[in-house]
Amino acid sequence: MSSPAKRVHVIGAGPAGLMAAERLAQAGAAVVVHEAMPSAARKFLMAGRGGLNLT
């Protein structure tokens, strides 16, 4: 019998939070991402405006 997946909550859906959530999910965790802003990954959406460099 396998043990149930660990449930992990990630606070913040910015680049670091999303990367952490992805790695945890790949490791078998059940991941819930919490974000206060209306959309996730706002910095990616804002790339190119205001000098954000993602190269």
PDB file of N, CA and C in Angstrom:
ATOM      1  N   MET A   1       0.841  -1.173   0.000  1.00  0.00           N
ATOM      2  CA  MET A   1       0.000   0.000   0.000  1.00  0.00           C
ATOM      3  C   MET A   1       0.890   1.242   0.000  1.00  0.00           C
ATOM      4  N   SER A   2       0.665   2.160  -0.922  1.00  0.00           N
ATOM      5  CA  SER A   2       1.479   3.373  -0.991  1.00  0.00           C
ATOM      6  C   SER A   2       0.892   4.441  -0.076  1.00  0.00           C
ATOM      7  N   SER A   3       1.769   5.300   0.419  1.00  0.00           N
ATOM      8  CA  SER A   3       1.312   6.377   1.294  1.00  0.00           C
ATOM      9  C   SER A   3       0.680   7.477   0.458  1.00  0.00           C
ATOM     10  N   PRO A   4      -0.283   8.193   1.020  1.00  0.00           N
ATOM     11  CA  PRO A   4      -0.920   9.276   0.255  1.00  0.00           C
ATOM     12  C   PRO A   4       0.077  10.396  -0.010  1.00  0.00           C
ATOM     13  N   ALA A   5      -0.171  11.144  -1.080  1.00  0.00           N
ATOM     14  CA  ALA A   5       0.713  12.257  -1.445  1.00  0.00           C
ATOM     15  C   ALA A   5       0.673  13.320  -0.360  1.00  0.00           C
ATOM     16  N   LYS A   6       1.803  13.939  -0.129  1.00  0.00           N
ATOM     17  CA  LYS A   6       1.870  15.065   0.803  1.00  0.00           C
ATOM     18  C   LYS A   6       1.193  16.260   0.160  1.00  0.00           C
ATOM     19  N   ARG A   7       0.446  17.020   0.935  1.00  0.00           N
ATOM     20  CA  ARG A   7      -0.180  18.240   0.424  1.00  0.00           C
ATOM     21  C   ARG A   7       0.699  19.413   0.818  1.00  0.00           C
ATOM     22  N   VAL A   8       1.090  20.222  -0.157  1.00  0.00           N
ATOM     23  CA  VAL A   8       1.979  21.359   0.063  1.00  0.00           C
ATOM     24  C   VAL A   8       1.284  22.612  -0.448  1.00  0.00           C
ATOM     25  N   HIS A   9       1.347  23.681   0.342  1.00  0.00           N
ATOM     26  CA  HIS A   9       0.789  24.970  -0.065  1.00  0.00           C
ATOM     27  C   HIS A   9       1.947  25.908  -0.385  1.00  0.00           C
ATOM     28  N   VAL A  10       1.931  26.491  -1.574  1.00  0.00           N
ATOM     29  CA  VAL A  10       2.946  27.459  -2.001  1.00  0.00           C
ATOM     30  C   VAL A  10       2.283  28.832  -1.966  1.00  0.00           C
ATOM     31  N   ILE A  11       2.899  29.750  -1.253  1.00  0.00           N
ATOM     32  CA  ILE A  11       2.365  31.108  -1.140  1.00  0.00           C
ATOM     33  C   ILE A  11       3.075  31.984  -2.162  1.00  0.00           C
ATOM     34  N   GLY A  12       2.325  32.455  -3.135  1.00  0.00           N
ATOM     35  CA  GLY A  12       2.869  33.326  -4.174  1.00  0.00           C
ATOM     36  C   GLY A  12       3.028  32.598  -5.497  1.00  0.00           C
ATOM     37  N   ALA A  13       2.406  33.140  -6.534  1.00  0.00           N
ATOM     38  CA  ALA A  13       2.453  32.533  -7.861  1.00  0.00           C
ATOM     39  C   ALA A  13       3.351  33.327  -8.799  1.00  0.00           C
ATOM     40  N   GLY A  14       4.428  33.857  -8.246  1.00  0.00           N
ATOM     41  CA  GLY A  14       5.445  34.500  -9.072  1.00  0.00           C
ATOM     42  C   GLY A  14       6.358  33.441  -9.649  1.00  0.00           C
ATOM     43  N   PRO A  15       7.421  33.842 -10.323  1.00  0.00           N
ATOM     44  CA  PRO A  15       8.320  32.870 -10.946  1.00  0.00           C
ATOM     45  C   PRO A  15       8.870  31.829  -9.959  1.00  0.00           C
ATOM     46  N   ALA A  16       9.307  32.273  -8.779  1.00  0.00           N
ATOM     47  CA  ALA A  16       9.874  31.330  -7.806  1.00  0.00           C
ATOM     48  C   ALA A  16       8.811  30.384  -7.255  1.00  0.00           C
ATOM     49  N   GLY A  17       7.634  30.918  -6.952  1.00  0.00           N
ATOM     50  CA  GLY A  17       6.560  30.084  -6.430  1.00  0.00           C
ATOM     51  C   GLY A  17       6.095  29.042  -7.430  1.00  0.00           C
ATOM     52  N   LEU A  18       5.986  29.439  -8.695  1.00  0.00           N
ATOM     53  CA  LEU A  18       5.560  28.495  -9.722  1.00  0.00           C
ATOM     54  C   LEU A  18       6.612  27.421  -9.972  1.00  0.00           C
ATOM     55  N   MET A  19       7.883  27.807  -9.923  1.00  0.00           N
ATOM     56  CA  MET A  19       8.955  26.829 -10.093  1.00  0.00           C
ATOM     57  C   MET A  19       8.950  25.836  -8.929  1.00  0.00           C
ATOM     58  N   ALA A  20       8.780  26.351  -7.721  1.00  0.00           N
ATOM     59  CA  ALA A  20       8.717  25.471  -6.553  1.00  0.00           C
ATOM     60  C   ALA A  20       7.530  24.522  -6.661  1.00  0.00           C
ATOM     61  N   ALA A  21       6.382  25.036  -7.075  1.00  0.00           N
ATOM     62  CA  ALA A  21       5.185  24.207  -7.217  1.00  0.00           C
ATOM     63  C   ALA A  21       5.403  23.114  -8.255  1.00  0.00           C
ATOM     64  N   GLU A  22       6.041  23.454  -9.360  1.00  0.00           N
ATOM     65  CA  GLU A  22       6.296  22.461 -10.404  1.00  0.00           C
ATOM     66  C   GLU A  22       7.215  21.349  -9.894  1.00  0.00           C
ATOM     67  N   ARG A  23       8.293  21.726  -9.225  1.00  0.00           N
ATOM     68  CA  ARG A  23       9.244  20.728  -8.716  1.00  0.00           C
ATOM     69  C   ARG A  23       8.595  19.829  -7.669  1.00  0.00           C
ATOM     70  N   LEU A  24       7.784  20.425  -6.793  1.00  0.00           N
ATOM     71  CA  LEU A  24       7.089  19.634  -5.775  1.00  0.00           C
ATOM     72  C   LEU A  24       6.099  18.663  -6.412  1.00  0.00           C
ATOM     73  N   ALA A  25       5.378  19.131  -7.424  1.00  0.00           N
ATOM     74  CA  ALA A  25       4.421  18.259  -8.115  1.00  0.00           C
ATOM     75  C   ALA A  25       5.140  17.112  -8.816  1.00  0.00           C
ATOM     76  N   GLN A  26       6.281  17.403  -9.430  1.00  0.00           N
ATOM     77  CA  GLN A  26       7.056  16.349 -10.083  1.00  0.00           C
ATOM     78  C   GLN A  26       7.554  15.317  -9.078  1.00  0.00           C
ATOM     79  N   ALA A  27       7.760  15.753  -7.833  1.00  0.00           N
ATOM     80  CA  ALA A  27       8.221  14.848  -6.778  1.00  0.00           C
ATOM     81  C   ALA A  27       7.064  14.075  -6.153  1.00  0.00           C
ATOM     82  N   GLY A  28       5.842  14.328  -6.611  1.00  0.00           N
ATOM     83  CA  GLY A  28       4.702  13.559  -6.139  1.00  0.00           C
ATOM     84  C   GLY A  28       3.816  14.238  -5.117  1.00  0.00           C
ATOM     85  N   ALA A  29       4.091  15.494  -4.795  1.00  0.00           N
ATOM     86  CA  ALA A  29       3.274  16.211  -3.820  1.00  0.00           C
ATOM     87  C   ALA A  29       2.006  16.744  -4.486  1.00  0.00           C
ATOM     88  N   ALA A  30       0.955  16.842  -3.693  1.00  0.00           N
ATOM     89  CA  ALA A  30      -0.272  17.513  -4.133  1.00  0.00           C
ATOM     90  C   ALA A  30      -0.086  18.983  -3.787  1.00  0.00           C
ATOM     91  N   VAL A  31      -0.008  19.851  -4.797  1.00  0.00           N
ATOM     92  CA  VAL A  31       0.376  21.248  -4.593  1.00  0.00           C
ATOM     93  C   VAL A  31      -0.824  22.165  -4.773  1.00  0.00           C
ATOM     94  N   VAL A  32      -0.956  23.112  -3.836  1.00  0.00           N
ATOM     95  CA  VAL A  32      -1.949  24.178  -3.932  1.00  0.00           C
ATOM     96  C   VAL A  32      -1.175  25.489  -3.930  1.00  0.00           C
ATOM     97  N   VAL A  33      -1.390  26.322  -4.953  1.00  0.00           N
ATOM     98  CA  VAL A  33      -0.701  27.609  -5.055  1.00  0.00           C
ATOM     99  C   VAL A  33      -1.684  28.712  -4.670  1.00  0.00           C
ATOM    100  N   HIS A  34      -1.261  29.588  -3.764  1.00  0.00           N
ATOM    101  CA  HIS A  34      -2.085  30.716  -3.315  1.00  0.00           C
ATOM    102  C   HIS A  34      -1.467  32.005  -3.837  1.00  0.00           C
ATOM    103  N   GLU A  35      -2.295  32.881  -4.394  1.00  0.00           N
ATOM    104  CA  GLU A  35      -1.819  34.160  -4.936  1.00  0.00           C
ATOM    105  C   GLU A  35      -2.839  35.241  -4.608  1.00  0.00           C
ATOM    106  N   ALA A  36      -2.367  36.368  -4.086  1.00  0.00           N
ATOM    107  CA  ALA A  36      -3.250  37.472  -3.721  1.00  0.00           C
ATOM    108  C   ALA A  36      -3.685  38.299  -4.933  1.00  0.00           C
ATOM    109  N   MET A  37      -2.846  38.337  -5.959  1.00  0.00           N
ATOM    110  CA  MET A  37      -3.165  39.134  -7.144  1.00  0.00           C
ATOM    111  C   MET A  37      -4.187  38.386  -8.008  1.00  0.00           C
ATOM    112  N   PRO A  38      -4.874  39.106  -8.900  1.00  0.00           N
ATOM    113  CA  PRO A  38      -5.911  38.457  -9.708  1.00  0.00           C
ATOM    114  C   PRO A  38      -5.398  37.444 -10.733  1.00  0.00           C
ATOM    115  N   SER A  39      -4.111  37.494 -11.058  1.00  0.00           N
ATOM    116  CA  SER A  39      -3.581  36.526 -12.019  1.00  0.00           C
ATOM    117  C   SER A  39      -2.206  36.047 -11.578  1.00  0.00           C
ATOM    118  N   ALA A  40      -1.895  34.839 -11.952  1.00  0.00           N
ATOM    119  CA  ALA A  40      -0.589  34.257 -11.614  1.00  0.00           C
ATOM    120  C   ALA A  40       0.480  34.758 -12.581  1.00  0.00           C
ATOM    121  N   ALA A  41       1.730  34.699 -12.145  1.00  0.00           N
ATOM    122  CA  ALA A  41       2.894  35.014 -12.984  1.00  0.00           C
ATOM    123  C   ALA A  41       2.831  36.414 -13.575  1.00  0.00           C
ATOM    124  N   ARG A  42       2.439  37.381 -12.792  1.00  0.00           N
ATOM    125  CA  ARG A  42       2.325  38.762 -13.289  1.00  0.00           C
ATOM    126  C   ARG A  42       3.640  39.291 -13.830  1.00  0.00           C
ATOM    127  N   LYS A  43       4.782  38.883 -13.255  1.00  0.00           N
ATOM    128  CA  LYS A  43       6.067  39.383 -13.761  1.00  0.00           C
ATOM    129  C   LYS A  43       6.329  38.883 -15.175  1.00  0.00           C
ATOM    130  N   PHE A  44       5.907  37.663 -15.477  1.00  0.00           N
ATOM    131  CA  PHE A  44       6.063  37.167 -16.846  1.00  0.00           C
ATOM    132  C   PHE A  44       5.157  37.947 -17.790  1.00  0.00           C
ATOM    133  N   LEU A  45       3.960  38.274 -17.337  1.00  0.00           N
ATOM    134  CA  LEU A  45       3.034  39.039 -18.172  1.00  0.00           C
ATOM    135  C   LEU A  45       3.533  40.463 -18.401  1.00  0.00           C
ATOM    136  N   MET A  46       4.293  40.989 -17.432  1.00  0.00           N
ATOM    137  CA  MET A  46       4.800  42.354 -17.526  1.00  0.00           C
ATOM    138  C   MET A  46       6.143  42.433 -18.244  1.00  0.00           C
ATOM    139  N   ALA A  47       6.732  41.318 -18.630  1.00  0.00           N
ATOM    140  CA  ALA A  47       8.058  41.307 -19.270  1.00  0.00           C
ATOM    141  C   ALA A  47       8.057  42.246 -20.469  1.00  0.00           C
ATOM    142  N   GLY A  48       9.093  43.034 -20.548  1.00  0.00           N
ATOM    143  CA  GLY A  48       9.199  43.985 -21.655  1.00  0.00           C
ATOM    144  C   GLY A  48       8.733  45.375 -21.286  1.00  0.00           C
ATOM    145  N   ARG A  49       7.968  45.491 -20.213  1.00  0.00           N
ATOM    146  CA  ARG A  49       7.521  46.796 -19.729  1.00  0.00           C
ATOM    147  C   ARG A  49       8.264  47.107 -18.430  1.00  0.00           C
ATOM    148  N   GLY A  50       8.815  48.258 -18.315  1.00  0.00           N
ATOM    149  CA  GLY A  50       9.444  48.674 -17.068  1.00  0.00           C
ATOM    150  C   GLY A  50      10.817  48.082 -16.817  1.00  0.00           C
ATOM    151  N   GLY A  51      11.468  47.529 -17.805  1.00  0.00           N
ATOM    152  CA  GLY A  51      12.843  47.107 -17.666  1.00  0.00           C
ATOM    153  C   GLY A  51      13.067  45.718 -17.088  1.00  0.00           C
ATOM    154  N   LEU A  52      12.038  44.896 -16.955  1.00  0.00           N
ATOM    155  CA  LEU A  52      12.220  43.548 -16.437  1.00  0.00           C
ATOM    156  C   LEU A  52      12.941  42.704 -17.496  1.00  0.00           C
ATOM    157  N   ASN A  53      14.065  42.135 -17.125  1.00  0.00           N
ATOM    158  CA  ASN A  53      14.871  41.366 -18.069  1.00  0.00           C
ATOM    159  C   ASN A  53      14.854  39.911 -17.648  1.00  0.00           C
ATOM    160  N   LEU A  54      14.286  39.042 -18.446  1.00  0.00           N
ATOM    161  CA  LEU A  54      14.188  37.618 -18.132  1.00  0.00           C
ATOM    162  C   LEU A  54      15.103  36.770 -19.000  1.00  0.00           C
ATOM    163  N   THR A  55      16.199  37.334 -19.500  1.00  0.00           N
ATOM    164  CA  THR A  55      17.065  36.566 -20.377  1.00  0.00           C
ATOM    165  C   THR A  55      17.956  35.615 -19.638  1.00  0.00           C
TER     166      THR A  55
END
